[in-house]
Amino acid sequence: MSSNRPKLSEKGLLTPDNCVVAMIDLQGQMLFGVSSHDRQSIINNNVLLAKAAKVFDVPLILSTVETQAFSGNTWPQVLAAMPGTQPIERTSMNSWDDANFVAAIEKTGRKKIVLTGLWTETCVALPTIQALHDGYEVYVVEDCCGDVSLMAHDNAMKRVIQAGAKPVTALSTLLEWQRDWAHRGTYDAVMDLVKTHCGAYGVGVEYAYTMVHKAPPTVFPPYTVPTAHG
């Protein structure tokens, strides 16, 4: 446990010390096929969750399928949020059929899995159902997932909920890990994530800081224009 945060009571809730985040198939070809939700929002929410895992020292497992043959690389925005994390490459659609993926989950020693991925009906639903069967608790981060149609996504969510999974969002997970605004060790980092990724909520936080509490405006790092290749 990081020294900058207290140990939270559990009592059925997620804490930074009792869960592992698993992100499955956040790859270009998989996102091309999504029409259930706004694709940029899915990227944004996964980046938010990955950064949150870093803030709270939650283990994060990244898995990919057929990178070279079909699906393409993991989104660079996600890789930038989790430097040093090496994806577990698979051939199976169901991550729970892959021994390396299951071993990585087991190695954390944690029985709660916070899970995201594409597509909801296959790459999320199948490992969720089997992990539940094997005694894990699974929290599907619904706004980090997407599918080929809204019906496909909704059917998948109904299926995993009926099997015992809990639906959450990226923001709800972040706030469940923070739990108390008096926990100052992670407060500023959480507010940074909110202002960067959480739309109207983030705008409201910035307004309250500057207009109500008279804090100086947030200064983000200046944008550096990438140089041309070749």
C-alpha atoms as a PDB file:
ATOM      1  CA  MET A   1       0.000   0.000   0.000  1.00  0.00           C
ATOM      2  CA  SER A   2       1.288   3.463  -0.926  1.00  0.00           C
ATOM      3  CA  SER A   3       2.352   5.551   2.058  1.00  0.00           C
ATOM      4  CA  ASN A   4       0.368   8.550   0.794  1.00  0.00           C
ATOM      5  CA  ARG A   5      -3.056   7.004   1.342  1.00  0.00           C
ATOM      6  CA  PRO A   6      -4.836   5.303   4.247  1.00  0.00           C
ATOM      7  CA  LYS A   7      -6.278   1.823   4.241  1.00  0.00           C
ATOM      8  CA  LEU A   8     -10.012   1.971   3.473  1.00  0.00           C
ATOM      9  CA  SER A   9     -12.749  -0.130   5.002  1.00  0.00           C
ATOM     10  CA  GLU A  10     -13.999  -2.778   2.588  1.00  0.00           C
ATOM     11  CA  LYS A  11     -17.442  -4.149   3.571  1.00  0.00           C
ATOM     12  CA  GLY A  12     -18.238  -5.090  -0.016  1.00  0.00           C
ATOM     13  CA  LEU A  13     -16.688  -2.034  -1.628  1.00  0.00           C
ATOM     14  CA  LEU A  14     -13.708  -1.686  -3.940  1.00  0.00           C
ATOM     15  CA  THR A  15     -10.513  -0.434  -2.334  1.00  0.00           C
ATOM     16  CA  PRO A  16      -7.087   0.115  -3.903  1.00  0.00           C
ATOM     17  CA  ASP A  17      -5.847  -2.873  -1.906  1.00  0.00           C
ATOM     18  CA  ASN A  18      -8.442  -5.492  -2.832  1.00  0.00           C
ATOM     19  CA  CYS A  19      -8.736  -5.328  -6.629  1.00  0.00           C
ATOM     20  CA  VAL A  20      -6.879  -5.617  -9.910  1.00  0.00           C
ATOM     21  CA  VAL A  21      -7.693  -3.776 -13.143  1.00  0.00           C
ATOM     22  CA  ALA A  22      -7.777  -5.799 -16.364  1.00  0.00           C
ATOM     23  CA  MET A  23      -8.057  -4.106 -19.766  1.00  0.00           C
ATOM     24  CA  ILE A  24      -8.747  -6.377 -22.707  1.00  0.00           C
ATOM     25  CA  ASP A  25      -8.245  -5.719 -26.437  1.00  0.00           C
ATOM     26  CA  LEU A  26      -8.062  -1.927 -26.452  1.00  0.00           C
ATOM     27  CA  GLN A  27      -6.832  -2.068 -30.038  1.00  0.00           C
ATOM     28  CA  GLY A  28      -7.512  -0.184 -33.239  1.00  0.00           C
ATOM     29  CA  GLN A  29      -9.426  -2.826 -35.158  1.00  0.00           C
ATOM     30  CA  MET A  30     -11.627  -3.594 -32.174  1.00  0.00           C
ATOM     31  CA  LEU A  31     -12.545   0.085 -31.798  1.00  0.00           C
ATOM     32  CA  PHE A  32     -13.337   0.371 -35.521  1.00  0.00           C
ATOM     33  CA  GLY A  33     -16.185  -2.081 -35.018  1.00  0.00           C
ATOM     34  CA  VAL A  34     -17.794  -0.229 -32.094  1.00  0.00           C
ATOM     35  CA  SER A  35     -21.063   1.551 -32.859  1.00  0.00           C
ATOM     36  CA  SER A  36     -22.779   1.296 -29.471  1.00  0.00           C
ATOM     37  CA  HIS A  37     -21.035   4.323 -27.936  1.00  0.00           C
ATOM     38  CA  ASP A  38     -18.869   7.288 -28.855  1.00  0.00           C
ATOM     39  CA  ARG A  39     -15.398   5.910 -29.558  1.00  0.00           C
ATOM     40  CA  GLN A  40     -13.490   8.892 -28.209  1.00  0.00           C
ATOM     41  CA  SER A  41     -15.401   8.652 -24.940  1.00  0.00           C
ATOM     42  CA  ILE A  42     -14.367   5.004 -24.620  1.00  0.00           C
ATOM     43  CA  ILE A  43     -10.711   5.973 -25.085  1.00  0.00           C
ATOM     44  CA  ASN A  44     -11.043   8.822 -22.580  1.00  0.00           C
ATOM     45  CA  ASN A  45     -12.673   6.627 -19.934  1.00  0.00           C
ATOM     46  CA  ASN A  46     -10.065   3.882 -20.243  1.00  0.00           C
ATOM     47  CA  VAL A  47      -7.262   6.440 -19.951  1.00  0.00           C
ATOM     48  CA  LEU A  48      -8.972   7.867 -16.851  1.00  0.00           C
ATOM     49  CA  LEU A  49      -9.158   4.410 -15.279  1.00  0.00           C
ATOM     50  CA  ALA A  50      -5.548   3.564 -16.167  1.00  0.00           C
ATOM     51  CA  LYS A  51      -4.313   6.814 -14.618  1.00  0.00           C
ATOM     52  CA  ALA A  52      -6.472   6.200 -11.551  1.00  0.00           C
ATOM     53  CA  ALA A  53      -4.902   2.763 -11.115  1.00  0.00           C
ATOM     54  CA  LYS A  54      -1.495   4.431 -11.193  1.00  0.00           C
ATOM     55  CA  VAL A  55      -2.516   7.044  -8.604  1.00  0.00           C
ATOM     56  CA  PHE A  56      -3.781   4.372  -6.193  1.00  0.00           C
ATOM     57  CA  ASP A  57      -1.129   1.703  -6.938  1.00  0.00           C
ATOM     58  CA  VAL A  58      -3.702  -0.791  -8.204  1.00  0.00           C
ATOM     59  CA  PRO A  59      -2.187  -3.612 -10.294  1.00  0.00           C
ATOM     60  CA  LEU A  60      -3.122  -3.276 -13.963  1.00  0.00           C
ATOM     61  CA  ILE A  61      -3.084  -6.097 -16.499  1.00  0.00           C
ATOM     62  CA  LEU A  62      -3.304  -5.349 -20.207  1.00  0.00           C
ATOM     63  CA  SER A  63      -4.125  -8.061 -22.734  1.00  0.00           C
ATOM     64  CA  THR A  64      -4.263  -8.043 -26.533  1.00  0.00           C
ATOM     65  CA  VAL A  65      -5.442 -10.441 -29.219  1.00  0.00           C
ATOM     66  CA  GLU A  66      -3.859 -11.105 -32.617  1.00  0.00           C
ATOM     67  CA  THR A  67      -1.995  -7.804 -32.636  1.00  0.00           C
ATOM     68  CA  GLN A  68      -0.086  -8.387 -35.852  1.00  0.00           C
ATOM     69  CA  ALA A  69      -2.625 -10.534 -37.702  1.00  0.00           C
ATOM     70  CA  PHE A  70      -5.801  -8.519 -37.171  1.00  0.00           C
ATOM     71  CA  SER A  71      -6.376  -6.206 -34.212  1.00  0.00           C
ATOM     72  CA  GLY A  72      -3.465  -3.768 -34.314  1.00  0.00           C
ATOM     73  CA  ASN A  73      -1.580  -2.152 -31.463  1.00  0.00           C
ATOM     74  CA  THR A  74      -2.972  -1.041 -28.125  1.00  0.00           C
ATOM     75  CA  TRP A  75      -4.103   2.581 -28.238  1.00  0.00           C
ATOM     76  CA  PRO A  76      -1.057   4.775 -27.562  1.00  0.00           C
ATOM     77  CA  GLN A  77      -3.086   6.966 -25.177  1.00  0.00           C
ATOM     78  CA  VAL A  78      -3.589   3.944 -22.916  1.00  0.00           C
ATOM     79  CA  LEU A  79       0.044   2.842 -23.137  1.00  0.00           C
ATOM     80  CA  ALA A  80       1.160   6.361 -22.193  1.00  0.00           C
ATOM     81  CA  ALA A  81      -0.992   6.168 -19.061  1.00  0.00           C
ATOM     82  CA  MET A  82       0.610   2.891 -17.955  1.00  0.00           C
ATOM     83  CA  PRO A  83       4.299   3.081 -18.847  1.00  0.00           C
ATOM     84  CA  GLY A  84       6.154  -0.185 -18.542  1.00  0.00           C
ATOM     85  CA  THR A  85       3.061  -2.389 -18.733  1.00  0.00           C
ATOM     86  CA  GLN A  86       3.552  -5.173 -21.272  1.00  0.00           C
ATOM     87  CA  PRO A  87       0.386  -6.543 -22.891  1.00  0.00           C
ATOM     88  CA  ILE A  88      -0.279 -10.255 -22.617  1.00  0.00           C
ATOM     89  CA  GLU A  89      -0.757 -11.411 -26.198  1.00  0.00           C
ATOM     90  CA  ARG A  90      -3.429 -14.047 -26.909  1.00  0.00           C
ATOM     91  CA  THR A  91      -5.031 -15.921 -29.759  1.00  0.00           C
ATOM     92  CA  SER A  92      -8.204 -16.670 -27.797  1.00  0.00           C
ATOM     93  CA  MET A  93     -11.232 -14.382 -27.824  1.00  0.00           C
ATOM     94  CA  ASN A  94     -11.853 -15.352 -24.205  1.00  0.00           C
ATOM     95  CA  SER A  95      -9.011 -14.129 -21.983  1.00  0.00           C
ATOM     96  CA  TRP A  96      -9.931 -16.715 -19.366  1.00  0.00           C
ATOM     97  CA  ASP A  97      -8.886 -19.407 -21.854  1.00  0.00           C
ATOM     98  CA  ASP A  98      -5.364 -17.970 -21.829  1.00  0.00           C
ATOM     99  CA  ALA A  99      -3.158 -19.418 -19.109  1.00  0.00           C
ATOM    100  CA  ASN A 100      -0.845 -16.398 -19.019  1.00  0.00           C
ATOM    101  CA  PHE A 101      -3.724 -13.988 -18.464  1.00  0.00           C
ATOM    102  CA  VAL A 102      -5.235 -16.061 -15.665  1.00  0.00           C
ATOM    103  CA  ALA A 103      -1.802 -16.503 -14.087  1.00  0.00           C
ATOM    104  CA  ALA A 104      -1.282 -12.728 -14.092  1.00  0.00           C
ATOM    105  CA  ILE A 105      -4.589 -12.251 -12.278  1.00  0.00           C
ATOM    106  CA  GLU A 106      -3.756 -14.987  -9.775  1.00  0.00           C
ATOM    107  CA  LYS A 107      -0.304 -13.519  -9.126  1.00  0.00           C
ATOM    108  CA  THR A 108      -1.851 -10.331  -7.723  1.00  0.00           C
ATOM    109  CA  GLY A 109      -3.591 -12.363  -5.013  1.00  0.00           C
ATOM    110  CA  ARG A 110      -6.704 -10.221  -5.419  1.00  0.00           C
ATOM    111  CA  LYS A 111     -10.215 -11.612  -5.861  1.00  0.00           C
ATOM    112  CA  LYS A 112     -11.932  -8.516  -7.249  1.00  0.00           C
ATOM    113  CA  ILE A 113     -11.386  -7.746 -10.952  1.00  0.00           C
ATOM    114  CA  VAL A 114     -12.217  -4.324 -12.396  1.00  0.00           C
ATOM    115  CA  LEU A 115     -12.590  -5.205 -16.058  1.00  0.00           C
ATOM    116  CA  THR A 116     -12.833  -3.247 -19.310  1.00  0.00           C
ATOM    117  CA  GLY A 117     -12.568  -4.251 -22.941  1.00  0.00           C
ATOM    118  CA  LEU A 118     -13.851  -4.558 -26.484  1.00  0.00           C
ATOM    119  CA  TRP A 119     -16.193  -6.005 -27.455  1.00  0.00           C
ATOM    120  CA  THR A 120     -18.597  -6.281 -24.525  1.00  0.00           C
ATOM    121  CA  GLU A 121     -20.509  -9.311 -25.791  1.00  0.00           C
ATOM    122  CA  THR A 122     -17.423 -11.470 -26.325  1.00  0.00           C
ATOM    123  CA  CYS A 123     -14.109 -10.227 -24.935  1.00  0.00           C
ATOM    124  CA  VAL A 124     -15.753  -8.830 -21.793  1.00  0.00           C
ATOM    125  CA  ALA A 125     -18.672 -11.175 -21.170  1.00  0.00           C
ATOM    126  CA  LEU A 126     -16.874 -14.493 -21.638  1.00  0.00           C
ATOM    127  CA  PRO A 127     -13.975 -13.951 -19.187  1.00  0.00           C
ATOM    128  CA  THR A 128     -16.336 -12.249 -16.749  1.00  0.00           C
ATOM    129  CA  ILE A 129     -18.651 -15.254 -16.587  1.00  0.00           C
ATOM    130  CA  GLN A 130     -15.800 -17.725 -16.185  1.00  0.00           C
ATOM    131  CA  ALA A 131     -13.970 -15.604 -13.598  1.00  0.00           C
ATOM    132  CA  LEU A 132     -17.189 -15.452 -11.590  1.00  0.00           C
ATOM    133  CA  HIS A 133     -17.440 -19.239 -11.885  1.00  0.00           C
ATOM    134  CA  ASP A 134     -13.894 -19.511 -10.503  1.00  0.00           C
ATOM    135  CA  GLY A 135     -14.742 -17.489  -7.414  1.00  0.00           C
ATOM    136  CA  TYR A 136     -13.747 -13.961  -8.433  1.00  0.00           C
ATOM    137  CA  GLU A 137     -15.870 -10.835  -8.109  1.00  0.00           C
ATOM    138  CA  VAL A 138     -15.996  -8.888 -11.369  1.00  0.00           C
ATOM    139  CA  TYR A 139     -16.799  -5.213 -11.757  1.00  0.00           C
ATOM    140  CA  VAL A 140     -17.428  -4.383 -15.426  1.00  0.00           C
ATOM    141  CA  VAL A 141     -16.582  -0.751 -16.173  1.00  0.00           C
ATOM    142  CA  GLU A 142     -19.426  -0.192 -18.581  1.00  0.00           C
ATOM    143  CA  ASP A 143     -18.424   3.181 -19.999  1.00  0.00           C
ATOM    144  CA  CYS A 144     -15.005   1.752 -20.875  1.00  0.00           C
ATOM    145  CA  CYS A 145     -16.616  -0.950 -23.032  1.00  0.00           C
ATOM    146  CA  GLY A 146     -18.372  -0.991 -26.390  1.00  0.00           C
ATOM    147  CA  ASP A 147     -19.766  -3.341 -29.006  1.00  0.00           C
ATOM    148  CA  VAL A 148     -20.877  -3.607 -32.615  1.00  0.00           C
ATOM    149  CA  SER A 149     -24.371  -2.403 -31.706  1.00  0.00           C
ATOM    150  CA  LEU A 150     -26.191  -1.018 -28.695  1.00  0.00           C
ATOM    151  CA  MET A 151     -28.237  -4.231 -28.548  1.00  0.00           C
ATOM    152  CA  ALA A 152     -25.065  -6.319 -28.397  1.00  0.00           C
ATOM    153  CA  HIS A 153     -23.643  -4.190 -25.580  1.00  0.00           C
ATOM    154  CA  ASP A 154     -26.904  -4.132 -23.620  1.00  0.00           C
ATOM    155  CA  ASN A 155     -27.381  -7.882 -23.980  1.00  0.00           C
ATOM    156  CA  ALA A 156     -23.837  -8.453 -22.738  1.00  0.00           C
ATOM    157  CA  MET A 157     -24.369  -6.250 -19.703  1.00  0.00           C
ATOM    158  CA  LYS A 158     -27.614  -8.048 -18.870  1.00  0.00           C
ATOM    159  CA  ARG A 159     -25.839 -11.380 -19.184  1.00  0.00           C
ATOM    160  CA  VAL A 160     -22.917 -10.511 -16.918  1.00  0.00           C
ATOM    161  CA  ILE A 161     -25.151  -8.840 -14.334  1.00  0.00           C
ATOM    162  CA  GLN A 162     -27.394 -11.911 -14.249  1.00  0.00           C
ATOM    163  CA  ALA A 163     -24.237 -13.989 -13.757  1.00  0.00           C
ATOM    164  CA  GLY A 164     -23.282 -11.844 -10.751  1.00  0.00           C
ATOM    165  CA  ALA A 165     -21.025  -9.077 -12.100  1.00  0.00           C
ATOM    166  CA  LYS A 166     -21.360  -5.509 -10.850  1.00  0.00           C
ATOM    167  CA  PRO A 167     -21.616  -2.635 -13.354  1.00  0.00           C
ATOM    168  CA  VAL A 168     -19.532   0.455 -12.554  1.00  0.00           C
ATOM    169  CA  THR A 169     -18.066   3.424 -14.425  1.00  0.00           C
ATOM    170  CA  ALA A 170     -14.537   4.783 -14.613  1.00  0.00           C
ATOM    171  CA  LEU A 171     -15.475   7.802 -12.497  1.00  0.00           C
ATOM    172  CA  SER A 172     -17.367   5.774  -9.894  1.00  0.00           C
ATOM    173  CA  THR A 173     -14.328   3.508  -9.524  1.00  0.00           C
ATOM    174  CA  LEU A 174     -12.013   6.489  -9.063  1.00  0.00           C
ATOM    175  CA  LEU A 175     -14.279   7.960  -6.387  1.00  0.00           C
ATOM    176  CA  GLU A 176     -14.700   4.597  -4.639  1.00  0.00           C
ATOM    177  CA  TRP A 177     -10.919   4.349  -4.360  1.00  0.00           C
ATOM    178  CA  GLN A 178     -10.656   7.920  -2.999  1.00  0.00           C
ATOM    179  CA  ARG A 179     -13.728   7.623  -0.742  1.00  0.00           C
ATOM    180  CA  ASP A 180     -12.902  10.590   1.513  1.00  0.00           C
ATOM    181  CA  TRP A 181     -11.875  14.103   0.451  1.00  0.00           C
ATOM    182  CA  ALA A 182      -9.867  14.363   3.665  1.00  0.00           C
ATOM    183  CA  HIS A 183      -7.408  11.816   2.225  1.00  0.00           C
ATOM    184  CA  ARG A 184      -5.040  14.507   1.012  1.00  0.00           C
ATOM    185  CA  GLY A 185      -2.316  12.183  -0.263  1.00  0.00           C
ATOM    186  CA  THR A 186      -4.306  11.414  -3.412  1.00  0.00           C
ATOM    187  CA  TYR A 187      -6.700  14.382  -3.449  1.00  0.00           C
ATOM    188  CA  ASP A 188      -4.735  16.577  -5.866  1.00  0.00           C
ATOM    189  CA  ALA A 189      -4.137  13.691  -8.262  1.00  0.00           C
ATOM    190  CA  VAL A 190      -7.821  12.803  -8.260  1.00  0.00           C
ATOM    191  CA  MET A 191      -8.787  16.405  -8.948  1.00  0.00           C
ATOM    192  CA  ASP A 192      -6.269  16.519 -11.805  1.00  0.00           C
ATOM    193  CA  LEU A 193      -7.888  13.449 -13.363  1.00  0.00           C
ATOM    194  CA  VAL A 194     -11.362  14.907 -12.914  1.00  0.00           C
ATOM    195  CA  LYS A 195     -10.409  18.210 -14.537  1.00  0.00           C
ATOM    196  CA  THR A 196      -8.669  16.450 -17.428  1.00  0.00           C
ATOM    197  CA  HIS A 197     -11.138  13.668 -18.190  1.00  0.00           C
ATOM    198  CA  CYS A 198     -14.517  14.266 -16.559  1.00  0.00           C
ATOM    199  CA  GLY A 199     -16.194  16.920 -18.658  1.00  0.00           C
ATOM    200  CA  ALA A 200     -18.782  19.032 -16.843  1.00  0.00           C
ATOM    201  CA  TYR A 201     -17.673  17.716 -13.444  1.00  0.00           C
ATOM    202  CA  GLY A 202     -14.117  18.813 -14.163  1.00  0.00           C
ATOM    203  CA  VAL A 203     -15.245  22.230 -15.382  1.00  0.00           C
ATOM    204  CA  GLY A 204     -17.254  22.623 -12.170  1.00  0.00           C
ATOM    205  CA  VAL A 205     -14.235  21.740 -10.043  1.00  0.00           C
ATOM    206  CA  GLU A 206     -12.090  24.301 -11.848  1.00  0.00           C
ATOM    207  CA  TYR A 207     -14.815  26.937 -11.442  1.00  0.00           C
ATOM    208  CA  ALA A 208     -15.144  26.240  -7.722  1.00  0.00           C
ATOM    209  CA  TYR A 209     -11.371  26.407  -7.258  1.00  0.00           C
ATOM    210  CA  THR A 210     -10.885  29.702  -9.063  1.00  0.00           C
ATOM    211  CA  MET A 211     -14.156  31.611  -8.651  1.00  0.00           C
ATOM    212  CA  VAL A 212     -15.296  30.473  -5.193  1.00  0.00           C
ATOM    213  CA  HIS A 213     -12.025  29.675  -3.416  1.00  0.00           C
ATOM    214  CA  LYS A 214      -9.956  32.196  -5.426  1.00  0.00           C
ATOM    215  CA  ALA A 215      -7.229  29.706  -6.273  1.00  0.00           C
ATOM    216  CA  PRO A 216      -5.043  30.485  -9.300  1.00  0.00           C
ATOM    217  CA  PRO A 217      -6.212  28.822 -12.538  1.00  0.00           C
ATOM    218  CA  THR A 218      -4.913  25.325 -13.206  1.00  0.00           C
ATOM    219  CA  VAL A 219      -1.858  25.336 -15.440  1.00  0.00           C
ATOM    220  CA  PHE A 220      -1.512  22.284 -17.627  1.00  0.00           C
ATOM    221  CA  PRO A 221       1.804  21.448 -19.311  1.00  0.00           C
ATOM    222  CA  PRO A 222       2.187  23.399 -22.551  1.00  0.00           C
ATOM    223  CA  TYR A 223       1.374  21.519 -25.724  1.00  0.00           C
ATOM    224  CA  THR A 224       4.441  20.509 -27.687  1.00  0.00           C
ATOM    225  CA  VAL A 225       3.876  20.248 -31.427  1.00  0.00           C
ATOM    226  CA  PRO A 226       5.205  16.894 -32.705  1.00  0.00           C
ATOM    227  CA  THR A 227       7.953  17.116 -35.286  1.00  0.00           C
ATOM    228  CA  ALA A 228       7.347  15.779 -38.765  1.00  0.00           C
ATOM    229  CA  HIS A 229       8.650  12.309 -39.620  1.00  0.00           C
ATOM    230  CA  GLY A 230      11.304  12.000 -42.255  1.00  0.00           C
END
